[in-house]
PDB file of N, CA and C in Angstrom:
ATOM      1  N   UNK A   1       0.964  -1.041   0.066  1.00  0.00           N
ATOM      2  CA  UNK A   1      -0.025   0.133  -0.367  1.00  0.00           C
ATOM      3  C   UNK A   1       0.914   1.025  -0.082  1.00  0.00           C
ATOM      4  N   UNK A   2       2.018   1.177   0.563  1.00  0.00           N
ATOM      5  CA  UNK A   2       2.796   2.577   0.599  1.00  0.00           C
ATOM      6  C   UNK A   2       3.473   2.741  -0.701  1.00  0.00           C
ATOM      7  N   UNK A   3       3.875   1.667  -1.551  1.00  0.00           N
ATOM      8  CA  UNK A   3       4.172   1.782  -2.721  1.00  0.00           C
ATOM      9  C   UNK A   3       3.302   2.616  -3.679  1.00  0.00           C
ATOM     10  N   UNK A   4       1.936   2.066  -3.424  1.00  0.00           N
ATOM     11  CA  UNK A   4       0.916   2.627  -4.138  1.00  0.00           C
ATOM     12  C   UNK A   4       0.869   3.986  -3.945  1.00  0.00           C
ATOM     13  N   UNK A   5       0.931   4.573  -2.700  1.00  0.00           N
ATOM     14  CA  UNK A   5       0.584   6.019  -2.098  1.00  0.00           C
ATOM     15  C   UNK A   5       1.733   6.560  -2.624  1.00  0.00           C
ATOM     16  N   UNK A   6       3.100   6.236  -2.798  1.00  0.00           N
ATOM     17  CA  UNK A   6       4.096   6.994  -2.971  1.00  0.00           C
ATOM     18  C   UNK A   6       4.000   7.215  -4.501  1.00  0.00           C
ATOM     19  N   UNK A   7       3.469   6.148  -5.595  1.00  0.00           N
ATOM     20  CA  UNK A   7       3.484   6.317  -6.603  1.00  0.00           C
ATOM     21  C   UNK A   7       2.235   7.148  -7.080  1.00  0.00           C
ATOM     22  N   UNK A   8       1.338   7.322  -6.782  1.00  0.00           N
ATOM     23  CA  UNK A   8       0.381   8.518  -6.621  1.00  0.00           C
ATOM     24  C   UNK A   8       0.389   9.929  -6.197  1.00  0.00           C
ATOM     25  N   UNK A   9       1.103   9.985  -5.208  1.00  0.00           N
ATOM     26  CA  UNK A   9       1.889  11.159  -4.730  1.00  0.00           C
ATOM     27  C   UNK A   9       3.047  11.931  -5.791  1.00  0.00           C
ATOM     28  N   UNK A  10       3.980  10.960  -6.565  1.00  0.00           N
ATOM     29  CA  UNK A  10       4.641  11.118  -7.256  1.00  0.00           C
ATOM     30  C   UNK A  10       4.260  11.611  -8.964  1.00  0.00           C
ATOM     31  N   UNK A  11       2.988  11.169  -9.054  1.00  0.00           N
ATOM     32  CA  UNK A  11       2.152  11.473 -10.558  1.00  0.00           C
ATOM     33  C   UNK A  11       1.510  12.832 -10.349  1.00  0.00           C
ATOM     34  N   UNK A  12       1.548  13.745 -11.351  1.00  0.00           N
ATOM     35  CA  UNK A  12       0.882  14.514 -11.669  1.00  0.00           C
ATOM     36  C   UNK A  12      -0.768  14.447 -11.903  1.00  0.00           C
ATOM     37  N   UNK A  13      -1.364  13.911 -10.664  1.00  0.00           N
ATOM     38  CA  UNK A  13      -2.833  13.775 -11.170  1.00  0.00           C
ATOM     39  C   UNK A  13      -4.148  14.647 -11.442  1.00  0.00           C
ATOM     40  N   UNK A  14      -4.488  14.376 -12.261  1.00  0.00           N
ATOM     41  CA  UNK A  14      -5.556  15.506 -12.633  1.00  0.00           C
ATOM     42  C   UNK A  14      -7.184  15.125 -11.777  1.00  0.00           C
ATOM     43  N   UNK A  15      -7.343  14.174 -11.661  1.00  0.00           N
ATOM     44  CA  UNK A  15      -8.512  13.609 -11.189  1.00  0.00           C
ATOM     45  C   UNK A  15      -8.395  12.379 -10.061  1.00  0.00           C
ATOM     46  N   UNK A  16      -9.779  12.035  -9.647  1.00  0.00           N
ATOM     47  CA  UNK A  16     -10.087  10.797  -9.252  1.00  0.00           C
ATOM     48  C   UNK A  16      -9.852   9.374 -10.324  1.00  0.00           C
ATOM     49  N   UNK A  17     -10.337   9.843 -11.607  1.00  0.00           N
ATOM     50  CA  UNK A  17     -10.258   8.557 -12.417  1.00  0.00           C
ATOM     51  C   UNK A  17      -8.874   7.933 -12.797  1.00  0.00           C
ATOM     52  N   UNK A  18      -7.855   9.066 -12.946  1.00  0.00           N
ATOM     53  CA  UNK A  18      -6.287   8.933 -12.869  1.00  0.00           C
ATOM     54  C   UNK A  18      -5.977   8.098 -11.736  1.00  0.00           C
ATOM     55  N   UNK A  19      -5.924   8.412 -10.511  1.00  0.00           N
ATOM     56  CA  UNK A  19      -5.687   7.613  -9.229  1.00  0.00           C
ATOM     57  C   UNK A  19      -6.093   6.500  -9.576  1.00  0.00           C
ATOM     58  N   UNK A  20      -7.459   6.049  -9.801  1.00  0.00           N
ATOM     59  CA  UNK A  20      -8.083   4.922  -9.738  1.00  0.00           C
ATOM     60  C   UNK A  20      -7.309   3.902 -11.114  1.00  0.00           C
ATOM     61  N   UNK A  21      -7.368   4.706 -12.202  1.00  0.00           N
ATOM     62  CA  UNK A  21      -6.783   3.908 -13.357  1.00  0.00           C
ATOM     63  C   UNK A  21      -5.458   3.496 -12.750  1.00  0.00           C
ATOM     64  N   UNK A  22      -4.432   4.116 -12.484  1.00  0.00           N
ATOM     65  CA  UNK A  22      -2.784   4.236 -11.769  1.00  0.00           C
ATOM     66  C   UNK A  22      -3.055   3.239 -10.948  1.00  0.00           C
ATOM     67  N   UNK A  23      -3.857   3.014  -9.612  1.00  0.00           N
ATOM     68  CA  UNK A  23      -3.946   2.117  -8.677  1.00  0.00           C
ATOM     69  C   UNK A  23      -4.178   0.680  -9.544  1.00  0.00           C
ATOM     70  N   UNK A  24      -5.013   0.862 -10.364  1.00  0.00           N
ATOM     71  CA  UNK A  24      -5.567  -0.530 -10.951  1.00  0.00           C
ATOM     72  C   UNK A  24      -4.768  -1.230 -11.617  1.00  0.00           C
ATOM     73  N   UNK A  25      -3.636  -0.397 -12.532  1.00  0.00           N
ATOM     74  CA  UNK A  25      -2.226  -0.871 -13.244  1.00  0.00           C
ATOM     75  C   UNK A  25      -1.580  -1.367 -12.520  1.00  0.00           C
ATOM     76  N   UNK A  26      -0.818  -0.683 -11.302  1.00  0.00           N
ATOM     77  CA  UNK A  26      -0.362  -1.101 -10.382  1.00  0.00           C
ATOM     78  C   UNK A  26      -0.689  -2.384  -9.481  1.00  0.00           C
ATOM     79  N   UNK A  27      -1.874  -2.494  -9.513  1.00  0.00           N
ATOM     80  CA  UNK A  27      -2.061  -4.088  -8.725  1.00  0.00           C
ATOM     81  C   UNK A  27      -2.171  -5.096  -9.892  1.00  0.00           C
ATOM     82  N   UNK A  28      -2.573  -4.767 -11.029  1.00  0.00           N
ATOM     83  CA  UNK A  28      -2.712  -5.592 -12.294  1.00  0.00           C
ATOM     84  C   UNK A  28      -1.192  -6.079 -12.328  1.00  0.00           C
ATOM     85  N   UNK A  29      -0.040  -5.365 -12.787  1.00  0.00           N
ATOM     86  CA  UNK A  29       1.115  -5.457 -13.168  1.00  0.00           C
ATOM     87  C   UNK A  29       1.796  -6.044 -11.817  1.00  0.00           C
ATOM     88  N   UNK A  30       1.759  -5.844 -10.312  1.00  0.00           N
ATOM     89  CA  UNK A  30       1.970  -6.516  -9.318  1.00  0.00           C
ATOM     90  C   UNK A  30       1.494  -7.763  -9.286  1.00  0.00           C
ATOM     91  N   UNK A  31       0.378  -8.315  -9.598  1.00  0.00           N
ATOM     92  CA  UNK A  31      -0.151  -9.792  -9.350  1.00  0.00           C
ATOM     93  C   UNK A  31       0.452 -10.387 -10.928  1.00  0.00           C
ATOM     94  N   UNK A  32       0.675  -9.825 -11.641  1.00  0.00           N
ATOM     95  CA  UNK A  32       1.207 -10.267 -13.231  1.00  0.00           C
ATOM     96  C   UNK A  32       2.271 -11.144 -12.637  1.00  0.00           C
ATOM     97  N   UNK A  33       3.185  -9.972 -12.394  1.00  0.00           N
ATOM     98  CA  UNK A  33       4.597 -10.795 -12.181  1.00  0.00           C
ATOM     99  C   UNK A  33       4.757 -11.439 -11.208  1.00  0.00           C
ATOM    100  N   UNK A  34       3.885 -11.296 -10.098  1.00  0.00           N
ATOM    101  CA  UNK A  34       3.889 -12.575  -9.031  1.00  0.00           C
ATOM    102  C   UNK A  34       3.598 -14.086  -9.232  1.00  0.00           C
ATOM    103  N   UNK A  35       2.803 -13.565 -10.460  1.00  0.00           N
ATOM    104  CA  UNK A  35       2.042 -15.480 -10.941  1.00  0.00           C
ATOM    105  C   UNK A  35       2.912 -15.406 -12.099  1.00  0.00           C
ATOM    106  N   UNK A  36       3.749 -14.654 -12.792  1.00  0.00           N
ATOM    107  CA  UNK A  36       5.115 -15.370 -13.703  1.00  0.00           C
ATOM    108  C   UNK A  36       6.210 -15.894 -12.774  1.00  0.00           C
ATOM    109  N   UNK A  37       6.329 -15.730 -11.517  1.00  0.00           N
ATOM    110  CA  UNK A  37       7.371 -16.149 -10.590  1.00  0.00           C
ATOM    111  C   UNK A  37       6.926 -17.355 -10.131  1.00  0.00           C
ATOM    112  N   UNK A  38       5.700 -17.525  -9.615  1.00  0.00           N
ATOM    113  CA  UNK A  38       4.838 -18.676  -9.293  1.00  0.00           C
ATOM    114  C   UNK A  38       4.894 -19.690 -10.391  1.00  0.00           C
ATOM    115  N   UNK A  39       4.693 -19.487 -11.566  1.00  0.00           N
ATOM    116  CA  UNK A  39       4.935 -20.289 -12.808  1.00  0.00           C
ATOM    117  C   UNK A  39       6.459 -20.853 -12.793  1.00  0.00           C
ATOM    118  N   UNK A  40       7.322 -20.076 -12.751  1.00  0.00           N
ATOM    119  CA  UNK A  40       8.743 -20.563 -12.486  1.00  0.00           C
ATOM    120  C   UNK A  40       8.895 -21.798 -11.204  1.00  0.00           C
ATOM    121  N   UNK A  41       8.308 -21.340 -10.809  1.00  0.00           N
ATOM    122  CA  UNK A  41       8.228 -22.395  -9.383  1.00  0.00           C
ATOM    123  C   UNK A  41       7.370 -23.361  -9.047  1.00  0.00           C
ATOM    124  N   UNK A  42       6.530 -23.372  -9.995  1.00  0.00           N
ATOM    125  CA  UNK A  42       5.747 -24.733 -10.037  1.00  0.00           C
ATOM    126  C   UNK A  42       6.306 -25.992  -9.785  1.00  0.00           C
ATOM    127  N   UNK A  43       5.500 -27.040  -9.190  1.00  0.00           N
ATOM    128  CA  UNK A  43       6.143 -28.559  -9.107  1.00  0.00           C
ATOM    129  C   UNK A  43       5.753 -29.202 -10.424  1.00  0.00           C
ATOM    130  N   UNK A  44       4.636 -28.785 -10.945  1.00  0.00           N
ATOM    131  CA  UNK A  44       4.023 -29.638 -11.867  1.00  0.00           C
ATOM    132  C   UNK A  44       3.558 -28.447 -13.266  1.00  0.00           C
ATOM    133  N   UNK A  45       3.814 -28.893 -14.322  1.00  0.00           N
ATOM    134  CA  UNK A  45       3.547 -28.620 -15.590  1.00  0.00           C
ATOM    135  C   UNK A  45       2.208 -27.721 -15.601  1.00  0.00           C
ATOM    136  N   UNK A  46       1.165 -28.304 -15.468  1.00  0.00           N
ATOM    137  CA  UNK A  46      -0.252 -27.881 -15.567  1.00  0.00           C
ATOM    138  C   UNK A  46      -0.522 -26.528 -14.523  1.00  0.00           C
ATOM    139  N   UNK A  47       0.203 -26.592 -13.644  1.00  0.00           N
ATOM    140  CA  UNK A  47       0.192 -25.392 -12.324  1.00  0.00           C
ATOM    141  C   UNK A  47       0.849 -24.034 -13.073  1.00  0.00           C
ATOM    142  N   UNK A  48       1.995 -24.800 -13.553  1.00  0.00           N
ATOM    143  CA  UNK A  48       2.814 -23.497 -14.083  1.00  0.00           C
ATOM    144  C   UNK A  48       2.274 -23.080 -15.262  1.00  0.00           C
ATOM    145  N   UNK A  49       1.512 -23.765 -16.391  1.00  0.00           N
ATOM    146  CA  UNK A  49       0.446 -23.413 -17.583  1.00  0.00           C
ATOM    147  C   UNK A  49      -0.383 -22.516 -17.014  1.00  0.00           C
ATOM    148  N   UNK A  50      -1.225 -22.761 -15.710  1.00  0.00           N
ATOM    149  CA  UNK A  50      -2.352 -21.874 -15.067  1.00  0.00           C
ATOM    150  C   UNK A  50      -1.832 -20.904 -14.715  1.00  0.00           C
ATOM    151  N   UNK A  51      -0.567 -20.801 -13.945  1.00  0.00           N
ATOM    152  CA  UNK A  51      -0.051 -19.240 -13.704  1.00  0.00           C
ATOM    153  C   UNK A  51       0.353 -18.352 -14.642  1.00  0.00           C
ATOM    154  N   UNK A  52       0.877 -19.171 -15.991  1.00  0.00           N
ATOM    155  CA  UNK A  52       1.547 -18.001 -16.755  1.00  0.00           C
ATOM    156  C   UNK A  52       0.393 -18.016 -17.325  1.00  0.00           C
ATOM    157  N   UNK A  53      -0.794 -18.286 -17.612  1.00  0.00           N
ATOM    158  CA  UNK A  53      -2.155 -17.798 -18.140  1.00  0.00           C
ATOM    159  C   UNK A  53      -2.442 -16.704 -17.625  1.00  0.00           C
ATOM    160  N   UNK A  54      -2.431 -17.015 -16.210  1.00  0.00           N
ATOM    161  CA  UNK A  54      -3.169 -16.232 -15.249  1.00  0.00           C
ATOM    162  C   UNK A  54      -2.319 -14.669 -15.628  1.00  0.00           C
ATOM    163  N   UNK A  55      -1.183 -15.001 -15.405  1.00  0.00           N
ATOM    164  CA  UNK A  55      -0.223 -13.765 -15.673  1.00  0.00           C
ATOM    165  C   UNK A  55      -0.433 -13.124 -16.646  1.00  0.00           C
ATOM    166  N   UNK A  56      -0.420 -13.714 -18.169  1.00  0.00           N
ATOM    167  CA  UNK A  56      -0.681 -13.002 -19.126  1.00  0.00           C
ATOM    168  C   UNK A  56      -1.936 -12.430 -19.159  1.00  0.00           C
ATOM    169  N   UNK A  57      -3.118 -13.092 -18.482  1.00  0.00           N
ATOM    170  CA  UNK A  57      -4.531 -12.091 -18.697  1.00  0.00           C
ATOM    171  C   UNK A  57      -4.361 -10.663 -17.746  1.00  0.00           C
ATOM    172  N   UNK A  58      -3.633 -11.052 -16.678  1.00  0.00           N
ATOM    173  CA  UNK A  58      -3.088  -9.796 -15.497  1.00  0.00           C
ATOM    174  C   UNK A  58      -2.535  -8.738 -16.836  1.00  0.00           C
ATOM    175  N   UNK A  59      -1.321  -9.021 -17.177  1.00  0.00           N
ATOM    176  CA  UNK A  59      -0.340  -8.088 -17.959  1.00  0.00           C
ATOM    177  C   UNK A  59      -1.210  -7.621 -18.969  1.00  0.00           C
ATOM    178  N   UNK A  60      -1.802  -8.305 -19.792  1.00  0.00           N
ATOM    179  CA  UNK A  60      -2.780  -7.513 -21.116  1.00  0.00           C
ATOM    180  C   UNK A  60      -3.332  -6.680 -20.670  1.00  0.00           C
ATOM    181  N   UNK A  61      -4.448  -7.104 -19.438  1.00  0.00           N
ATOM    182  CA  UNK A  61      -5.481  -6.039 -18.521  1.00  0.00           C
ATOM    183  C   UNK A  61      -4.636  -4.638 -18.333  1.00  0.00           C
ATOM    184  N   UNK A  62      -3.550  -4.967 -17.516  1.00  0.00           N
ATOM    185  CA  UNK A  62      -2.586  -3.416 -17.099  1.00  0.00           C
ATOM    186  C   UNK A  62      -2.210  -3.046 -18.593  1.00  0.00           C
ATOM    187  N   UNK A  63      -1.871  -3.368 -19.542  1.00  0.00           N
ATOM    188  CA  UNK A  63      -1.534  -2.657 -20.813  1.00  0.00           C
ATOM    189  C   UNK A  63      -2.514  -1.860 -21.321  1.00  0.00           C
ATOM    190  N   UNK A  64      -3.894  -2.307 -20.893  1.00  0.00           N
ATOM    191  CA  UNK A  64      -5.461  -1.529 -21.713  1.00  0.00           C
ATOM    192  C   UNK A  64      -5.319  -0.930 -20.457  1.00  0.00           C
ATOM    193  N   UNK A  65      -5.392  -0.798 -19.425  1.00  0.00           N
ATOM    194  CA  UNK A  65      -5.678   0.056 -18.404  1.00  0.00           C
ATOM    195  C   UNK A  65      -4.745   1.475 -18.640  1.00  0.00           C
ATOM    196  N   UNK A  66      -3.232   1.317 -18.798  1.00  0.00           N
ATOM    197  CA  UNK A  66      -2.307   2.197 -19.216  1.00  0.00           C
ATOM    198  C   UNK A  66      -2.895   2.879 -20.453  1.00  0.00           C
ATOM    199  N   UNK A  67      -3.524   2.104 -21.438  1.00  0.00           N
ATOM    200  CA  UNK A  67      -4.141   2.848 -22.758  1.00  0.00           C
ATOM    201  C   UNK A  67      -5.435   3.933 -22.249  1.00  0.00           C
ATOM    202  N   UNK A  68      -6.188   3.019 -21.126  1.00  0.00           N
ATOM    203  CA  UNK A  68      -7.347   3.794 -21.103  1.00  0.00           C
ATOM    204  C   UNK A  68      -7.347   5.306 -20.145  1.00  0.00           C
ATOM    205  N   UNK A  69      -5.792   5.097 -19.253  1.00  0.00           N
ATOM    206  CA  UNK A  69      -5.212   6.224 -18.931  1.00  0.00           C
ATOM    207  C   UNK A  69      -4.897   7.506 -19.761  1.00  0.00           C
ATOM    208  N   UNK A  70      -3.980   6.732 -20.927  1.00  0.00           N
ATOM    209  CA  UNK A  70      -3.660   7.755 -22.166  1.00  0.00           C
ATOM    210  C   UNK A  70      -4.346   8.602 -22.405  1.00  0.00           C
ATOM    211  N   UNK A  71      -5.584   7.650 -23.199  1.00  0.00           N
ATOM    212  CA  UNK A  71      -6.920   8.155 -23.672  1.00  0.00           C
ATOM    213  C   UNK A  71      -7.657   9.331 -22.628  1.00  0.00           C
ATOM    214  N   UNK A  72      -8.034   8.966 -21.923  1.00  0.00           N
ATOM    215  CA  UNK A  72      -8.241   9.896 -20.505  1.00  0.00           C
ATOM    216  C   UNK A  72      -7.307  10.954 -20.200  1.00  0.00           C
ATOM    217  N   UNK A  73      -5.922  10.920 -20.399  1.00  0.00           N
ATOM    218  CA  UNK A  73      -5.133  11.977 -20.440  1.00  0.00           C
ATOM    219  C   UNK A  73      -5.260  13.318 -21.678  1.00  0.00           C
ATOM    220  N   UNK A  74      -5.542  12.581 -22.612  1.00  0.00           N
ATOM    221  CA  UNK A  74      -5.891  13.091 -23.775  1.00  0.00           C
ATOM    222  C   UNK A  74      -6.627  13.842 -24.015  1.00  0.00           C
ATOM    223  N   UNK A  75      -7.730  13.768 -23.545  1.00  0.00           N
ATOM    224  CA  UNK A  75      -9.185  14.085 -23.390  1.00  0.00           C
ATOM    225  C   UNK A  75      -9.149  15.601 -24.224  1.00  0.00           C
ATOM    226  N   UNK A  76     -10.062  15.909 -25.215  1.00  0.00           N
ATOM    227  CA  UNK A  76     -10.139  17.246 -25.549  1.00  0.00           C
ATOM    228  C   UNK A  76      -8.662  17.302 -26.729  1.00  0.00           C
ATOM    229  N   UNK A  77      -8.113  16.550 -26.418  1.00  0.00           N
ATOM    230  CA  UNK A  77      -6.723  17.043 -27.090  1.00  0.00           C
ATOM    231  C   UNK A  77      -6.852  16.826 -28.640  1.00  0.00           C
ATOM    232  N   UNK A  78      -6.402  17.599 -29.602  1.00  0.00           N
ATOM    233  CA  UNK A  78      -6.899  17.616 -30.829  1.00  0.00           C
ATOM    234  C   UNK A  78      -5.396  17.719 -31.693  1.00  0.00           C
ATOM    235  N   UNK A  79      -5.386  16.666 -32.999  1.00  0.00           N
ATOM    236  CA  UNK A  79      -4.114  16.534 -33.712  1.00  0.00           C
ATOM    237  C   UNK A  79      -4.183  17.095 -34.919  1.00  0.00           C
ATOM    238  N   UNK A  80      -3.444  17.600 -35.621  1.00  0.00           N
ATOM    239  CA  UNK A  80      -3.295  18.354 -36.482  1.00  0.00           C
ATOM    240  C   UNK A  80      -2.159  17.720 -37.459  1.00  0.00           C
ATOM    241  N   UNK A  81      -2.415  17.061 -38.422  1.00  0.00           N
ATOM    242  CA  UNK A  81      -1.537  16.678 -39.592  1.00  0.00           C
ATOM    243  C   UNK A  81      -1.253  17.605 -40.666  1.00  0.00           C
ATOM    244  N   UNK A  82      -0.147  17.554 -40.959  1.00  0.00           N
ATOM    245  CA  UNK A  82       0.484  18.553 -41.798  1.00  0.00           C
ATOM    246  C   UNK A  82       0.966  18.028 -43.250  1.00  0.00           C
ATOM    247  N   UNK A  83       0.218  17.936 -44.427  1.00  0.00           N
ATOM    248  CA  UNK A  83       1.008  17.157 -45.514  1.00  0.00           C
ATOM    249  C   UNK A  83       1.556  18.396 -46.493  1.00  0.00           C
ATOM    250  N   UNK A  84       2.433  18.119 -47.109  1.00  0.00           N
ATOM    251  CA  UNK A  84       3.041  18.720 -48.402  1.00  0.00           C
ATOM    252  C   UNK A  84       2.536  18.047 -49.677  1.00  0.00           C
ATOM    253  N   UNK A  85       1.460  18.792 -50.315  1.00  0.00           N
ATOM    254  CA  UNK A  85       1.153  18.135 -51.427  1.00  0.00           C
ATOM    255  C   UNK A  85       1.423  19.089 -52.761  1.00  0.00           C
ATOM    256  N   UNK A  86       2.193  18.400 -53.616  1.00  0.00           N
ATOM    257  CA  UNK A  86       2.309  19.154 -54.827  1.00  0.00           C
ATOM    258  C   UNK A  86       1.516  19.259 -55.961  1.00  0.00           C
ATOM    259  N   UNK A  87       0.605  20.380 -56.581  1.00  0.00           N
ATOM    260  CA  UNK A  87      -0.221  20.405 -57.518  1.00  0.00           C
ATOM    261  C   UNK A  87       0.955  20.873 -58.819  1.00  0.00           C
ATOM    262  N   UNK A  88       0.761  20.238 -59.959  1.00  0.00           N
ATOM    263  CA  UNK A  88       1.297  20.730 -60.889  1.00  0.00           C
ATOM    264  C   UNK A  88       0.649  21.747 -61.888  1.00  0.00           C
ATOM    265  N   UNK A  89       1.240  22.368 -62.975  1.00  0.00           N
ATOM    266  CA  UNK A  89       0.415  23.324 -63.745  1.00  0.00           C
ATOM    267  C   UNK A  89      -0.888  22.587 -64.462  1.00  0.00           C
ATOM    268  N   UNK A  90      -2.199  23.217 -64.136  1.00  0.00           N
ATOM    269  CA  UNK A  90      -3.205  22.437 -64.703  1.00  0.00           C
ATOM    270  C   UNK A  90      -3.895  21.725 -63.790  1.00  0.00           C
ATOM    271  N   UNK A  91      -3.215  21.548 -62.706  1.00  0.00           N
ATOM    272  CA  UNK A  91      -3.744  20.400 -61.750  1.00  0.00           C
ATOM    273  C   UNK A  91      -4.953  20.978 -61.036  1.00  0.00           C
ATOM    274  N   UNK A  92      -5.353  20.206 -59.904  1.00  0.00           N
ATOM    275  CA  UNK A  92      -6.554  20.871 -58.960  1.00  0.00           C
ATOM    276  C   UNK A  92      -6.130  19.845 -57.681  1.00  0.00           C
ATOM    277  N   UNK A  93      -6.555  20.674 -56.576  1.00  0.00           N
ATOM    278  CA  UNK A  93      -6.566  19.973 -55.524  1.00  0.00           C
ATOM    279  C   UNK A  93      -7.557  20.367 -54.525  1.00  0.00           C
ATOM    280  N   UNK A  94      -7.707  19.962 -53.896  1.00  0.00           N
ATOM    281  CA  UNK A  94      -8.907  20.204 -52.868  1.00  0.00           C
ATOM    282  C   UNK A  94      -8.340  20.686 -51.637  1.00  0.00           C
ATOM    283  N   UNK A  95      -8.363  22.035 -50.858  1.00  0.00           N
ATOM    284  CA  UNK A  95      -8.047  22.437 -49.850  1.00  0.00           C
ATOM    285  C   UNK A  95      -8.875  22.890 -48.982  1.00  0.00           C
ATOM    286  N   UNK A  96      -9.394  22.127 -47.992  1.00  0.00           N
ATOM    287  CA  UNK A  96     -10.359  22.428 -46.872  1.00  0.00           C
ATOM    288  C   UNK A  96     -11.880  22.306 -48.079  1.00  0.00           C
ATOM    289  N   UNK A  97     -12.833  22.917 -48.184  1.00  0.00           N
ATOM    290  CA  UNK A  97     -13.975  23.384 -48.897  1.00  0.00           C
ATOM    291  C   UNK A  97     -13.606  23.913 -50.392  1.00  0.00           C
ATOM    292  N   UNK A  98     -12.470  24.189 -50.646  1.00  0.00           N
ATOM    293  CA  UNK A  98     -12.643  25.007 -52.015  1.00  0.00           C
ATOM    294  C   UNK A  98     -11.508  23.890 -53.062  1.00  0.00           C
ATOM    295  N   UNK A  99     -11.643  24.232 -54.174  1.00  0.00           N
ATOM    296  CA  UNK A  99     -11.071  23.214 -55.147  1.00  0.00           C
ATOM    297  C   UNK A  99      -9.857  24.677 -55.717  1.00  0.00           C
ATOM    298  N   UNK A 100      -8.769  24.526 -55.546  1.00  0.00           N
ATOM    299  CA  UNK A 100      -7.874  25.438 -55.850  1.00  0.00           C
ATOM    300  C   UNK A 100      -6.868  24.712 -57.060  1.00  0.00           C
ATOM    301  N   UNK A 101      -6.768  25.694 -58.293  1.00  0.00           N
ATOM    302  CA  UNK A 101      -5.981  25.266 -59.417  1.00  0.00           C
ATOM    303  C   UNK A 101      -4.437  25.835 -59.158  1.00  0.00           C
ATOM    304  N   UNK A 102      -3.939  24.698 -59.532  1.00  0.00           N
ATOM    305  CA  UNK A 102      -2.264  24.308 -59.580  1.00  0.00           C
ATOM    306  C   UNK A 102      -1.650  25.437 -60.376  1.00  0.00           C
ATOM    307  N   UNK A 103      -0.439  25.274 -60.241  1.00  0.00           N
ATOM    308  CA  UNK A 103       0.333  26.047 -61.063  1.00  0.00           C
ATOM    309  C   UNK A 103       0.359  27.549 -60.906  1.00  0.00           C
ATOM    310  N   UNK A 104       1.107  28.240 -61.781  1.00  0.00           N
ATOM    311  CA  UNK A 104       1.605  29.621 -61.212  1.00  0.00           C
ATOM    312  C   UNK A 104       1.468  30.519 -62.345  1.00  0.00           C
TER     313      UNK A 104
END
């Protein structure tokens, strides 16, 4: 619990949603890694396989949680893509809602 509190204090949290997502991500990662270690130590192959499958599910969910956090943090941001387009003499290009003749 102390590690979670330390992590939350170090992060620049905007709201409770970020705190929840980070706490969930931490717990999923911790449990995933513990199950990987237990899979290595398992006496029987079927137990090792079960632990490995559980670890993979936990770590996959961890990654999905981090993606949800990333999307939440980008909320409202817009991306602008700038492309260079060359229009030869007599050619036409659509810029916005207008057709522009090329050449000069």
